[in-house]
């Protein structure tokens, strides 16, 4: 069954993108646009779901072990080498563009474009954004996915890449899928622990940002960092 052909034209991902912009699409719909079409045996919507699940679980491997990352993509039925390479190339291009050296972080709002994708996540994502001494973004990465607690958000996991990249400052951020943006007691405890560890390492914990559907909370703006 080819569900893309059975979907009304106005409700197809590409048409929705042209009408409302890419931010209106779900993650899987964005992948469907990149894929363009499926195969005779595999509908594009089904392929998109599998690709999204794979990217969500394995994206860090794109830089750590690209051969394994690509091999995993190619194991998805209906996804050939040409389309698999599109995902690797588009992610790398997006990373380069978003990390342009002229992007200086002056406030918490400046970091929101880097973490806006967290709004739609049903699980908690804890990410780390590295800055140089001039507050320019060097890189960002996902530290952990799932329930955020002190056992998972260990300073070693948070600051290991920052030390290797010789980052001067670090901004951590996570989402609250339930909707409330105010920090929990656990969030406050994690922040204090990371701040102490950062000081020992000679790195500044510049901010901890919590985002949810109804807004965001910045520890720095609230005077807690």
N, C-alpha and C. Protein backbone atom coordinates (compact mmCIF):
# COMPACT_ATOMS: atom_id res chain seq x y z
N UNK A 1 0.84 -1.19 0.00
CA UNK A 1 0.00 0.00 0.00
C UNK A 1 0.88 1.25 0.00
N UNK A 2 0.64 2.17 -0.94
CA UNK A 2 1.41 3.40 -1.02
C UNK A 2 0.60 4.53 -0.37
N UNK A 3 0.85 4.75 0.92
CA UNK A 3 0.04 5.71 1.67
C UNK A 3 0.26 7.15 1.23
N UNK A 4 1.43 7.47 0.67
CA UNK A 4 1.68 8.84 0.23
C UNK A 4 0.72 9.23 -0.89
N UNK A 5 0.38 8.26 -1.78
CA UNK A 5 -0.54 8.54 -2.88
C UNK A 5 -1.98 8.64 -2.39
N UNK A 6 -2.26 7.95 -1.27
CA UNK A 6 -3.61 7.98 -0.72
C UNK A 6 -3.83 9.18 0.19
N UNK A 7 -2.76 9.86 0.54
CA UNK A 7 -2.86 11.05 1.39
C UNK A 7 -3.30 12.25 0.53
N UNK A 8 -4.29 13.02 0.99
CA UNK A 8 -4.71 14.20 0.23
C UNK A 8 -3.52 15.10 -0.08
N UNK A 9 -3.52 15.68 -1.27
CA UNK A 9 -2.38 16.50 -1.70
C UNK A 9 -2.05 17.58 -0.69
N UNK A 10 -3.08 18.23 -0.15
CA UNK A 10 -2.85 19.34 0.77
C UNK A 10 -2.22 18.89 2.10
N UNK A 11 -2.31 17.57 2.39
CA UNK A 11 -1.78 17.08 3.67
C UNK A 11 -0.46 16.34 3.50
N UNK A 12 0.12 16.38 2.30
CA UNK A 12 1.40 15.73 2.09
C UNK A 12 2.53 16.63 2.61
N UNK A 13 3.58 16.03 3.17
CA UNK A 13 4.65 16.82 3.79
C UNK A 13 5.23 17.93 2.92
N UNK A 14 5.51 17.64 1.65
CA UNK A 14 6.12 18.66 0.79
C UNK A 14 5.18 19.84 0.59
N UNK A 15 3.91 19.55 0.38
CA UNK A 15 2.93 20.62 0.17
C UNK A 15 2.74 21.43 1.45
N UNK A 16 2.76 20.74 2.61
CA UNK A 16 2.63 21.44 3.90
C UNK A 16 3.83 22.34 4.14
N UNK A 17 4.99 21.87 3.72
CA UNK A 17 6.21 22.68 3.88
C UNK A 17 6.11 23.96 3.05
N UNK A 18 5.69 23.84 1.79
CA UNK A 18 5.59 25.03 0.94
C UNK A 18 4.55 26.01 1.47
N UNK A 19 3.49 25.49 2.04
CA UNK A 19 2.41 26.35 2.51
C UNK A 19 2.72 27.01 3.85
N UNK A 20 3.31 26.24 4.78
CA UNK A 20 3.47 26.74 6.15
C UNK A 20 4.91 26.89 6.63
N UNK A 21 5.88 26.34 5.86
CA UNK A 21 7.27 26.39 6.30
C UNK A 21 7.68 25.10 6.98
N UNK A 22 8.99 24.82 7.05
CA UNK A 22 9.47 23.55 7.62
C UNK A 22 9.18 23.37 9.10
N UNK A 23 9.07 24.47 9.85
CA UNK A 23 8.83 24.35 11.29
C UNK A 23 7.45 23.77 11.59
N UNK A 24 6.56 23.76 10.60
CA UNK A 24 5.20 23.25 10.77
C UNK A 24 5.16 21.73 10.70
N UNK A 25 6.22 21.13 10.16
CA UNK A 25 6.25 19.68 9.96
C UNK A 25 6.79 18.95 11.18
N UNK A 26 6.34 17.71 11.35
CA UNK A 26 6.89 16.85 12.40
C UNK A 26 8.27 16.36 11.96
N UNK A 27 9.00 15.74 12.86
CA UNK A 27 10.31 15.20 12.52
C UNK A 27 10.21 14.19 11.39
N UNK A 28 9.22 13.30 11.47
CA UNK A 28 9.08 12.26 10.45
C UNK A 28 8.67 12.86 9.11
N UNK A 29 7.88 13.93 9.13
CA UNK A 29 7.48 14.58 7.87
C UNK A 29 8.69 15.26 7.21
N UNK A 30 9.57 15.83 8.02
CA UNK A 30 10.79 16.43 7.47
C UNK A 30 11.64 15.36 6.78
N UNK A 31 11.72 14.19 7.40
CA UNK A 31 12.47 13.10 6.80
C UNK A 31 11.81 12.65 5.50
N UNK A 32 10.49 12.63 5.49
CA UNK A 32 9.76 12.25 4.28
C UNK A 32 10.08 13.21 3.12
N UNK A 33 10.19 14.50 3.43
CA UNK A 33 10.53 15.49 2.40
C UNK A 33 11.93 15.21 1.84
N UNK A 34 12.87 14.89 2.73
CA UNK A 34 14.23 14.59 2.28
C UNK A 34 14.26 13.33 1.42
N UNK A 35 13.49 12.31 1.83
CA UNK A 35 13.45 11.06 1.07
C UNK A 35 12.81 11.26 -0.30
N UNK A 36 11.77 12.07 -0.34
CA UNK A 36 11.08 12.31 -1.60
C UNK A 36 10.09 11.23 -1.97
N UNK A 37 10.53 9.99 -1.95
CA UNK A 37 9.65 8.87 -2.30
C UNK A 37 10.17 7.59 -1.67
N UNK A 38 9.32 6.59 -1.66
CA UNK A 38 9.72 5.30 -1.14
C UNK A 38 10.05 4.35 -2.29
N UNK A 39 9.83 3.09 -2.06
CA UNK A 39 10.04 2.09 -3.11
C UNK A 39 8.73 1.33 -3.31
N UNK A 40 8.72 0.43 -4.26
CA UNK A 40 7.52 -0.34 -4.54
C UNK A 40 7.10 -1.17 -3.34
N UNK A 41 8.10 -1.65 -2.60
CA UNK A 41 7.81 -2.51 -1.45
C UNK A 41 7.72 -1.74 -0.14
N UNK A 42 8.27 -0.53 -0.09
CA UNK A 42 8.35 0.20 1.17
C UNK A 42 7.82 1.63 0.99
N UNK A 43 6.71 1.92 1.67
CA UNK A 43 6.11 3.24 1.60
C UNK A 43 7.02 4.27 2.25
N UNK A 44 7.07 5.48 1.73
CA UNK A 44 7.97 6.51 2.23
C UNK A 44 7.68 6.85 3.69
N UNK A 45 6.40 6.79 4.11
CA UNK A 45 6.07 7.08 5.51
C UNK A 45 6.68 6.03 6.45
N UNK A 46 6.62 4.77 6.02
CA UNK A 46 7.19 3.69 6.84
C UNK A 46 8.71 3.82 6.94
N UNK A 47 9.34 4.16 5.82
CA UNK A 47 10.79 4.36 5.82
C UNK A 47 11.16 5.52 6.74
N UNK A 48 10.38 6.60 6.68
CA UNK A 48 10.65 7.79 7.49
C UNK A 48 10.63 7.47 8.98
N UNK A 49 9.67 6.67 9.40
CA UNK A 49 9.59 6.29 10.82
C UNK A 49 10.84 5.53 11.25
N UNK A 50 11.28 4.62 10.41
CA UNK A 50 12.46 3.82 10.75
C UNK A 50 13.72 4.69 10.76
N UNK A 51 13.81 5.60 9.78
CA UNK A 51 14.97 6.50 9.72
C UNK A 51 15.01 7.41 10.95
N UNK A 52 13.85 7.96 11.31
CA UNK A 52 13.80 8.84 12.48
C UNK A 52 14.24 8.13 13.74
N UNK A 53 13.73 6.91 13.93
CA UNK A 53 14.10 6.13 15.12
C UNK A 53 15.61 5.86 15.12
N UNK A 54 16.14 5.53 13.96
CA UNK A 54 17.58 5.24 13.87
C UNK A 54 18.40 6.49 14.17
N UNK A 55 18.03 7.64 13.58
CA UNK A 55 18.78 8.87 13.80
C UNK A 55 18.72 9.30 15.26
N UNK A 56 17.55 9.15 15.86
CA UNK A 56 17.36 9.54 17.25
C UNK A 56 18.29 8.75 18.17
N UNK A 57 18.50 7.49 17.84
CA UNK A 57 19.30 6.62 18.71
C UNK A 57 20.79 6.59 18.35
N UNK A 58 21.13 6.96 17.11
CA UNK A 58 22.51 6.76 16.65
C UNK A 58 23.21 7.98 16.08
N UNK A 59 22.59 9.16 16.14
CA UNK A 59 23.17 10.33 15.50
C UNK A 59 24.58 10.67 15.98
N UNK A 60 24.90 10.53 17.29
CA UNK A 60 26.27 10.82 17.73
C UNK A 60 27.33 10.01 16.99
N UNK A 61 26.96 8.81 16.51
CA UNK A 61 27.92 7.94 15.82
C UNK A 61 28.31 8.50 14.46
N UNK A 62 27.57 9.49 13.95
CA UNK A 62 27.89 10.07 12.64
C UNK A 62 29.31 10.61 12.63
N UNK A 63 29.73 11.20 13.75
CA UNK A 63 31.09 11.73 13.84
C UNK A 63 32.05 10.77 14.54
N UNK A 64 31.50 9.95 15.43
CA UNK A 64 32.37 9.06 16.19
C UNK A 64 32.77 7.82 15.40
N UNK A 65 31.86 7.28 14.62
CA UNK A 65 32.13 6.08 13.82
C UNK A 65 31.24 6.12 12.59
N UNK A 66 31.65 6.91 11.60
CA UNK A 66 30.79 7.15 10.44
C UNK A 66 30.48 5.88 9.66
N UNK A 67 31.44 4.97 9.55
CA UNK A 67 31.22 3.73 8.80
C UNK A 67 30.08 2.92 9.39
N UNK A 68 30.07 2.81 10.73
CA UNK A 68 29.00 2.07 11.40
C UNK A 68 27.67 2.79 11.26
N UNK A 69 27.72 4.13 11.36
CA UNK A 69 26.50 4.92 11.22
C UNK A 69 25.88 4.71 9.85
N UNK A 70 26.70 4.78 8.81
CA UNK A 70 26.21 4.62 7.44
C UNK A 70 25.71 3.20 7.20
N UNK A 71 26.42 2.23 7.75
CA UNK A 71 26.01 0.83 7.59
C UNK A 71 24.64 0.61 8.21
N UNK A 72 24.41 1.23 9.36
CA UNK A 72 23.12 1.10 10.02
C UNK A 72 21.99 1.70 9.20
N UNK A 73 22.27 2.85 8.59
CA UNK A 73 21.27 3.49 7.73
C UNK A 73 20.93 2.59 6.54
N UNK A 74 21.97 2.03 5.95
CA UNK A 74 21.77 1.20 4.75
C UNK A 74 21.04 -0.10 5.06
N UNK A 75 20.97 -0.47 6.32
CA UNK A 75 20.23 -1.68 6.71
C UNK A 75 18.73 -1.45 6.73
N UNK A 76 18.31 -0.18 6.64
CA UNK A 76 16.89 0.14 6.62
C UNK A 76 16.34 -0.15 5.23
N UNK A 77 15.38 -1.03 5.15
CA UNK A 77 14.82 -1.43 3.85
C UNK A 77 14.17 -0.24 3.15
N UNK A 78 14.53 -0.07 1.89
CA UNK A 78 13.98 1.02 1.10
C UNK A 78 14.86 2.25 1.07
N UNK A 79 15.95 2.23 1.85
CA UNK A 79 16.86 3.38 1.90
C UNK A 79 18.18 3.00 1.23
N UNK A 80 18.42 3.53 0.05
CA UNK A 80 19.64 3.23 -0.67
C UNK A 80 20.79 4.15 -0.30
N UNK A 81 21.93 3.93 -0.95
CA UNK A 81 23.13 4.71 -0.64
C UNK A 81 22.94 6.20 -0.91
N UNK A 82 22.26 6.55 -2.00
CA UNK A 82 22.07 7.96 -2.35
C UNK A 82 21.28 8.70 -1.29
N UNK A 83 20.19 8.10 -0.83
CA UNK A 83 19.36 8.77 0.17
C UNK A 83 20.01 8.74 1.55
N UNK A 84 20.73 7.67 1.86
CA UNK A 84 21.42 7.61 3.14
C UNK A 84 22.47 8.71 3.23
N UNK A 85 23.15 8.95 2.10
CA UNK A 85 24.18 10.00 2.10
C UNK A 85 23.56 11.39 2.28
N UNK A 86 22.30 11.56 1.87
CA UNK A 86 21.62 12.84 2.03
C UNK A 86 21.51 13.22 3.50
N UNK A 87 21.21 12.24 4.35
CA UNK A 87 21.05 12.52 5.77
C UNK A 87 22.38 12.90 6.42
N UNK A 88 23.44 12.18 6.04
CA UNK A 88 24.76 12.51 6.58
C UNK A 88 25.19 13.90 6.13
N UNK A 89 24.98 14.21 4.85
CA UNK A 89 25.40 15.50 4.31
C UNK A 89 24.57 16.64 4.88
N UNK A 90 23.24 16.45 4.97
CA UNK A 90 22.38 17.53 5.45
C UNK A 90 22.63 17.83 6.93
N UNK A 91 22.91 16.78 7.71
CA UNK A 91 23.21 17.01 9.13
C UNK A 91 24.52 17.77 9.29
N UNK A 92 25.53 17.39 8.52
CA UNK A 92 26.82 18.07 8.60
C UNK A 92 26.70 19.53 8.17
N UNK A 93 25.95 19.78 7.11
CA UNK A 93 25.77 21.15 6.64
C UNK A 93 25.04 21.99 7.68
N UNK A 94 23.98 21.42 8.27
CA UNK A 94 23.22 22.14 9.30
C UNK A 94 24.11 22.45 10.50
N UNK A 95 24.95 21.48 10.89
CA UNK A 95 25.85 21.69 12.02
C UNK A 95 26.84 22.82 11.74
N UNK A 96 27.34 22.86 10.52
CA UNK A 96 28.30 23.91 10.16
C UNK A 96 27.64 25.28 10.13
N UNK A 97 26.45 25.33 9.56
CA UNK A 97 25.76 26.62 9.45
C UNK A 97 25.37 27.17 10.82
N UNK A 98 24.87 26.28 11.67
CA UNK A 98 24.40 26.72 12.98
C UNK A 98 25.56 27.07 13.91
N UNK A 99 26.75 26.56 13.56
CA UNK A 99 27.92 26.83 14.40
C UNK A 99 28.82 27.91 13.80
N UNK A 100 28.30 28.68 12.87
CA UNK A 100 29.09 29.74 12.26
C UNK A 100 29.68 30.65 13.34
N UNK A 101 30.91 31.08 13.11
CA UNK A 101 31.61 31.84 14.13
C UNK A 101 30.99 33.20 14.45
N UNK A 102 30.10 33.69 13.57
CA UNK A 102 29.50 34.99 13.86
C UNK A 102 28.28 34.87 14.77
N UNK A 103 27.98 33.64 15.21
CA UNK A 103 26.85 33.44 16.12
C UNK A 103 27.34 33.57 17.57
N UNK A 104 27.19 34.77 18.10
CA UNK A 104 27.64 35.05 19.46
C UNK A 104 26.45 34.92 20.41
N UNK A 105 26.67 34.22 21.51
CA UNK A 105 25.62 34.04 22.51
C UNK A 105 25.68 35.18 23.53
N UNK A 106 24.67 36.03 23.50
CA UNK A 106 24.61 37.16 24.44
C UNK A 106 23.55 36.95 25.52
N UNK A 107 22.57 36.13 25.22
CA UNK A 107 21.50 35.87 26.19
C UNK A 107 20.95 34.46 25.97
N UNK A 108 20.07 34.05 26.87
CA UNK A 108 19.47 32.72 26.75
C UNK A 108 18.68 32.59 25.45
N UNK A 109 18.06 33.66 25.02
CA UNK A 109 17.27 33.62 23.78
C UNK A 109 18.14 33.28 22.56
N UNK A 110 19.42 33.66 22.62
CA UNK A 110 20.32 33.38 21.50
C UNK A 110 20.59 31.89 21.34
N UNK A 111 20.38 31.14 22.42
CA UNK A 111 20.66 29.71 22.37
C UNK A 111 19.43 28.90 21.95
N UNK A 112 18.25 29.52 21.99
CA UNK A 112 17.01 28.81 21.69
C UNK A 112 16.99 28.16 20.30
N UNK A 113 17.53 28.82 19.24
CA UNK A 113 17.54 28.15 17.93
C UNK A 113 18.30 26.83 17.92
N UNK A 114 19.26 26.68 18.83
CA UNK A 114 20.06 25.46 18.90
C UNK A 114 19.31 24.33 19.58
N UNK A 115 18.31 24.66 20.38
CA UNK A 115 17.63 23.65 21.18
C UNK A 115 16.12 23.59 20.92
N UNK A 116 15.64 24.35 19.94
CA UNK A 116 14.19 24.43 19.71
C UNK A 116 13.58 23.08 19.35
N UNK A 117 14.39 22.18 18.77
CA UNK A 117 13.86 20.86 18.39
C UNK A 117 13.44 20.04 19.61
N UNK A 118 13.86 20.45 20.80
CA UNK A 118 13.51 19.72 22.01
C UNK A 118 12.05 19.89 22.40
N UNK A 119 11.41 20.95 21.89
CA UNK A 119 10.01 21.19 22.23
C UNK A 119 9.12 19.99 21.89
N UNK A 120 9.43 19.32 20.80
CA UNK A 120 8.56 18.24 20.31
C UNK A 120 8.91 16.87 20.86
N UNK A 121 9.93 16.78 21.69
CA UNK A 121 10.38 15.48 22.19
C UNK A 121 9.49 15.00 23.34
N UNK A 122 9.19 13.72 23.34
CA UNK A 122 8.37 13.12 24.40
C UNK A 122 9.24 12.62 25.55
N UNK A 123 10.56 12.53 25.32
CA UNK A 123 11.49 12.14 26.38
C UNK A 123 12.35 13.35 26.75
N UNK A 124 12.98 13.26 27.90
CA UNK A 124 13.88 14.34 28.31
C UNK A 124 15.24 14.18 27.63
N UNK A 125 15.69 15.25 26.99
CA UNK A 125 17.00 15.30 26.37
C UNK A 125 17.86 16.27 27.16
N UNK A 126 19.08 15.85 27.47
CA UNK A 126 20.02 16.75 28.14
C UNK A 126 21.16 17.00 27.16
N UNK A 127 21.37 18.26 26.77
CA UNK A 127 22.39 18.57 25.77
C UNK A 127 23.40 19.55 26.32
N UNK A 128 24.54 19.58 25.68
CA UNK A 128 25.66 20.43 26.10
C UNK A 128 26.15 21.23 24.90
N UNK A 129 26.23 22.56 25.06
CA UNK A 129 26.68 23.45 23.99
C UNK A 129 27.98 24.10 24.44
N UNK A 130 29.01 24.00 23.61
CA UNK A 130 30.34 24.51 23.95
C UNK A 130 30.58 25.88 23.33
N UNK A 131 31.13 26.79 24.11
CA UNK A 131 31.45 28.13 23.64
C UNK A 131 32.94 28.41 23.80
N UNK A 132 33.46 29.28 22.94
CA UNK A 132 34.84 29.72 23.14
C UNK A 132 34.85 30.95 24.03
N UNK A 133 35.99 31.55 24.21
CA UNK A 133 36.10 32.70 25.11
C UNK A 133 35.31 33.91 24.68
N UNK A 134 34.97 33.98 23.38
CA UNK A 134 34.21 35.11 22.85
C UNK A 134 32.71 34.81 22.79
N UNK A 135 32.30 33.75 23.47
CA UNK A 135 30.90 33.33 23.51
C UNK A 135 30.35 32.88 22.15
N UNK A 136 31.24 32.39 21.30
CA UNK A 136 30.82 31.86 20.01
C UNK A 136 30.64 30.34 20.14
N UNK A 137 29.61 29.82 19.50
CA UNK A 137 29.32 28.39 19.58
C UNK A 137 30.38 27.59 18.85
N UNK A 138 30.94 26.61 19.55
CA UNK A 138 31.94 25.71 18.96
C UNK A 138 31.26 24.43 18.48
N UNK A 139 30.42 23.85 19.32
CA UNK A 139 29.71 22.62 18.98
C UNK A 139 28.61 22.36 19.99
N UNK A 140 27.76 21.40 19.70
CA UNK A 140 26.76 20.99 20.68
C UNK A 140 26.48 19.51 20.48
N UNK A 141 26.08 18.85 21.55
CA UNK A 141 25.85 17.40 21.48
C UNK A 141 24.83 16.96 22.51
N UNK A 142 24.22 15.82 22.26
CA UNK A 142 23.29 15.21 23.21
C UNK A 142 24.10 14.40 24.22
N UNK A 143 23.87 14.68 25.50
CA UNK A 143 24.57 13.95 26.56
C UNK A 143 23.80 12.71 26.95
N UNK A 144 22.50 12.84 27.11
CA UNK A 144 21.69 11.69 27.51
C UNK A 144 20.25 11.89 27.09
N UNK A 145 19.56 10.78 26.91
CA UNK A 145 18.14 10.79 26.57
C UNK A 145 17.42 9.92 27.58
N UNK A 146 16.33 10.43 28.13
CA UNK A 146 15.58 9.67 29.13
C UNK A 146 15.39 10.50 30.38
N UNK A 147 15.00 9.86 31.45
CA UNK A 147 14.77 10.56 32.71
C UNK A 147 16.07 11.20 33.18
N UNK A 148 16.03 12.53 33.40
CA UNK A 148 17.23 13.25 33.80
C UNK A 148 17.41 13.18 35.31
N UNK A 149 18.51 12.59 35.76
CA UNK A 149 18.83 12.60 37.18
C UNK A 149 20.35 12.71 37.34
N UNK A 150 20.79 12.87 38.57
CA UNK A 150 22.21 13.11 38.82
C UNK A 150 23.09 11.93 38.42
N UNK A 151 22.51 10.73 38.46
CA UNK A 151 23.30 9.56 38.08
C UNK A 151 23.62 9.58 36.58
N UNK A 152 22.68 10.05 35.79
CA UNK A 152 22.89 10.09 34.34
C UNK A 152 23.69 11.30 33.91
N UNK A 153 23.38 12.46 34.52
CA UNK A 153 24.07 13.69 34.16
C UNK A 153 25.31 13.83 35.02
N UNK A 154 26.29 13.00 34.75
CA UNK A 154 27.54 13.02 35.50
C UNK A 154 28.48 14.06 34.88
N UNK A 155 29.19 14.84 35.71
CA UNK A 155 30.11 15.85 35.17
C UNK A 155 31.09 15.30 34.14
N UNK A 156 31.50 14.05 34.31
CA UNK A 156 32.43 13.44 33.35
C UNK A 156 31.82 13.41 31.96
N UNK A 157 30.53 13.02 31.89
CA UNK A 157 29.85 12.95 30.60
C UNK A 157 29.60 14.33 30.02
N UNK A 158 29.33 15.28 30.88
CA UNK A 158 29.00 16.63 30.42
C UNK A 158 30.23 17.37 29.91
N UNK A 159 31.35 17.26 30.63
CA UNK A 159 32.51 18.10 30.33
C UNK A 159 33.64 17.41 29.55
N UNK A 160 33.52 16.11 29.30
CA UNK A 160 34.62 15.41 28.62
C UNK A 160 34.93 16.02 27.25
N UNK A 161 33.87 16.25 26.44
CA UNK A 161 34.08 16.83 25.11
C UNK A 161 34.54 18.27 25.21
N UNK A 162 34.01 19.00 26.19
CA UNK A 162 34.39 20.41 26.36
C UNK A 162 35.88 20.53 26.66
N UNK A 163 36.41 19.61 27.45
CA UNK A 163 37.84 19.62 27.76
C UNK A 163 38.66 19.32 26.51
N UNK A 164 38.22 18.32 25.73
CA UNK A 164 38.93 17.98 24.50
C UNK A 164 38.93 19.12 23.49
N UNK A 165 37.81 19.84 23.43
CA UNK A 165 37.70 20.94 22.48
C UNK A 165 38.25 22.26 23.02
N UNK A 166 38.72 22.22 24.27
CA UNK A 166 39.25 23.41 24.92
C UNK A 166 38.23 24.54 24.97
N UNK A 167 37.00 24.17 25.24
CA UNK A 167 35.94 25.16 25.36
C UNK A 167 36.13 25.99 26.62
N UNK A 168 35.81 27.26 26.53
CA UNK A 168 35.94 28.14 27.69
C UNK A 168 34.69 28.12 28.55
N UNK A 169 33.54 27.93 27.89
CA UNK A 169 32.27 27.96 28.58
C UNK A 169 31.36 26.85 28.06
N UNK A 170 30.43 26.47 28.89
CA UNK A 170 29.47 25.43 28.52
C UNK A 170 28.07 25.87 28.91
N UNK A 171 27.13 25.64 28.03
CA UNK A 171 25.72 25.84 28.35
C UNK A 171 25.05 24.48 28.29
N UNK A 172 24.36 24.10 29.34
CA UNK A 172 23.61 22.85 29.31
C UNK A 172 22.13 23.20 29.21
N UNK A 173 21.38 22.29 28.63
CA UNK A 173 19.95 22.53 28.46
C UNK A 173 19.21 21.21 28.44
N UNK A 174 17.98 21.24 28.90
CA UNK A 174 17.14 20.06 28.76
C UNK A 174 15.68 20.49 28.68
N UNK A 175 14.86 19.57 28.23
CA UNK A 175 13.44 19.86 28.05
C UNK A 175 12.61 19.22 29.14
N UNK A 176 11.43 19.78 29.37
CA UNK A 176 10.44 19.20 30.27
C UNK A 176 9.22 18.81 29.43
N UNK A 177 9.13 17.56 28.99
CA UNK A 177 8.02 17.13 28.13
C UNK A 177 6.64 17.35 28.76
N UNK A 178 6.59 17.36 30.09
CA UNK A 178 5.30 17.54 30.77
C UNK A 178 4.75 18.95 30.59
N UNK A 179 5.63 19.91 30.24
CA UNK A 179 5.14 21.26 29.96
C UNK A 179 5.58 22.35 30.91
N UNK A 180 5.86 22.01 32.16
CA UNK A 180 6.26 23.04 33.13
C UNK A 180 7.73 23.39 32.95
N UNK A 181 8.05 24.69 32.85
CA UNK A 181 9.43 25.08 32.60
C UNK A 181 10.21 25.41 33.88
N UNK A 182 9.53 25.48 35.02
CA UNK A 182 10.23 25.78 36.27
C UNK A 182 11.12 24.61 36.67
N UNK A 183 12.31 24.89 37.23
CA UNK A 183 13.24 23.81 37.61
C UNK A 183 12.74 23.01 38.80
N UNK A 184 13.01 21.73 38.76
CA UNK A 184 12.69 20.88 39.91
C UNK A 184 13.86 20.93 40.89
N UNK A 185 13.67 20.34 42.05
CA UNK A 185 14.77 20.26 43.03
C UNK A 185 15.95 19.50 42.43
N UNK A 186 15.65 18.47 41.63
CA UNK A 186 16.70 17.69 40.97
C UNK A 186 17.47 18.55 39.98
N UNK A 187 16.76 19.40 39.23
CA UNK A 187 17.41 20.29 38.27
C UNK A 187 18.37 21.24 38.97
N UNK A 188 17.94 21.76 40.10
CA UNK A 188 18.77 22.70 40.87
C UNK A 188 20.01 22.00 41.41
N UNK A 189 19.82 20.77 41.92
CA UNK A 189 20.94 20.00 42.47
C UNK A 189 21.95 19.67 41.37
N UNK A 190 21.46 19.27 40.20
CA UNK A 190 22.34 18.96 39.07
C UNK A 190 23.14 20.18 38.67
N UNK A 191 22.49 21.33 38.63
CA UNK A 191 23.17 22.57 38.22
C UNK A 191 24.29 22.93 39.20
N UNK A 192 24.01 22.82 40.48
CA UNK A 192 25.03 23.14 41.49
C UNK A 192 26.22 22.19 41.38
N UNK A 193 25.93 20.91 41.15
CA UNK A 193 26.98 19.91 41.02
C UNK A 193 27.85 20.20 39.80
N UNK A 194 27.21 20.54 38.68
CA UNK A 194 27.95 20.84 37.45
C UNK A 194 28.76 22.13 37.59
N UNK A 195 28.21 23.09 38.30
CA UNK A 195 28.92 24.36 38.49
C UNK A 195 30.22 24.15 39.27
N UNK A 196 30.15 23.32 40.32
CA UNK A 196 31.34 23.03 41.12
C UNK A 196 32.39 22.29 40.30
N UNK A 197 31.94 21.33 39.51
CA UNK A 197 32.86 20.55 38.69
C UNK A 197 33.50 21.42 37.61
N UNK A 198 32.71 22.30 37.02
CA UNK A 198 33.22 23.19 35.98
C UNK A 198 34.32 24.09 36.53
N UNK A 199 34.11 24.57 37.74
CA UNK A 199 35.10 25.45 38.37
C UNK A 199 36.43 24.73 38.56
N UNK A 200 36.38 23.48 38.95
CA UNK A 200 37.60 22.68 39.15
C UNK A 200 38.34 22.51 37.83
N UNK A 201 37.57 22.34 36.74
CA UNK A 201 38.15 22.12 35.42
C UNK A 201 38.58 23.41 34.73
N UNK A 202 38.24 24.54 35.32
CA UNK A 202 38.59 25.81 34.70
C UNK A 202 37.67 26.18 33.56
N UNK A 203 36.47 25.62 33.59
CA UNK A 203 35.44 25.91 32.58
C UNK A 203 34.28 26.63 33.26
N UNK A 204 33.69 27.58 32.57
CA UNK A 204 32.54 28.29 33.12
C UNK A 204 31.24 27.64 32.69
N UNK A 205 30.40 27.31 33.69
CA UNK A 205 29.05 26.85 33.37
C UNK A 205 28.24 28.12 33.12
N UNK A 206 28.09 28.47 31.86
CA UNK A 206 27.51 29.76 31.49
C UNK A 206 26.01 29.83 31.76
N UNK A 207 25.31 28.74 31.57
CA UNK A 207 23.86 28.75 31.79
C UNK A 207 23.33 27.33 31.79
N UNK A 208 22.18 27.17 32.39
CA UNK A 208 21.40 25.94 32.30
C UNK A 208 20.00 26.39 31.90
N UNK A 209 19.55 25.92 30.76
CA UNK A 209 18.27 26.36 30.22
C UNK A 209 17.30 25.19 30.18
N UNK A 210 16.10 25.42 30.67
CA UNK A 210 15.04 24.42 30.62
C UNK A 210 13.98 24.96 29.66
N UNK A 211 13.58 24.14 28.71
CA UNK A 211 12.53 24.60 27.79
C UNK A 211 11.34 23.66 27.84
N UNK A 212 10.17 24.24 27.65
CA UNK A 212 8.92 23.49 27.62
C UNK A 212 7.97 24.20 26.67
N UNK A 213 6.81 23.63 26.48
CA UNK A 213 5.87 24.22 25.53
C UNK A 213 5.45 25.63 25.93
N UNK A 214 5.42 25.91 27.23
CA UNK A 214 4.92 27.22 27.66
C UNK A 214 6.03 28.23 27.96
N UNK A 215 7.27 27.91 27.59
CA UNK A 215 8.33 28.90 27.79
C UNK A 215 9.66 28.26 28.15
N UNK A 216 10.56 29.07 28.69
CA UNK A 216 11.87 28.55 29.07
C UNK A 216 12.31 29.19 30.39
N UNK A 217 13.28 28.55 31.03
CA UNK A 217 13.84 29.05 32.28
C UNK A 217 15.36 29.08 32.13
N UNK A 218 15.96 30.21 32.45
CA UNK A 218 17.41 30.36 32.39
C UNK A 218 17.95 30.57 33.80
N UNK A 219 18.82 29.67 34.24
CA UNK A 219 19.42 29.81 35.57
C UNK A 219 20.24 31.10 35.64
N UNK A 220 20.87 31.48 34.54
CA UNK A 220 21.68 32.69 34.53
C UNK A 220 20.80 33.94 34.65
N UNK A 221 19.73 33.98 33.87
CA UNK A 221 18.85 35.14 33.91
C UNK A 221 18.17 35.30 35.26
N UNK A 222 17.95 34.19 35.93
CA UNK A 222 17.31 34.24 37.24
C UNK A 222 18.30 34.44 38.38
N UNK A 223 19.57 34.63 38.05
CA UNK A 223 20.58 34.88 39.07
C UNK A 223 21.03 33.67 39.84
N UNK A 224 20.79 32.49 39.29
CA UNK A 224 21.15 31.25 39.98
C UNK A 224 22.49 30.71 39.49
N UNK A 225 23.11 31.41 38.52
CA UNK A 225 24.45 31.05 38.03
C UNK A 225 25.25 32.34 37.85
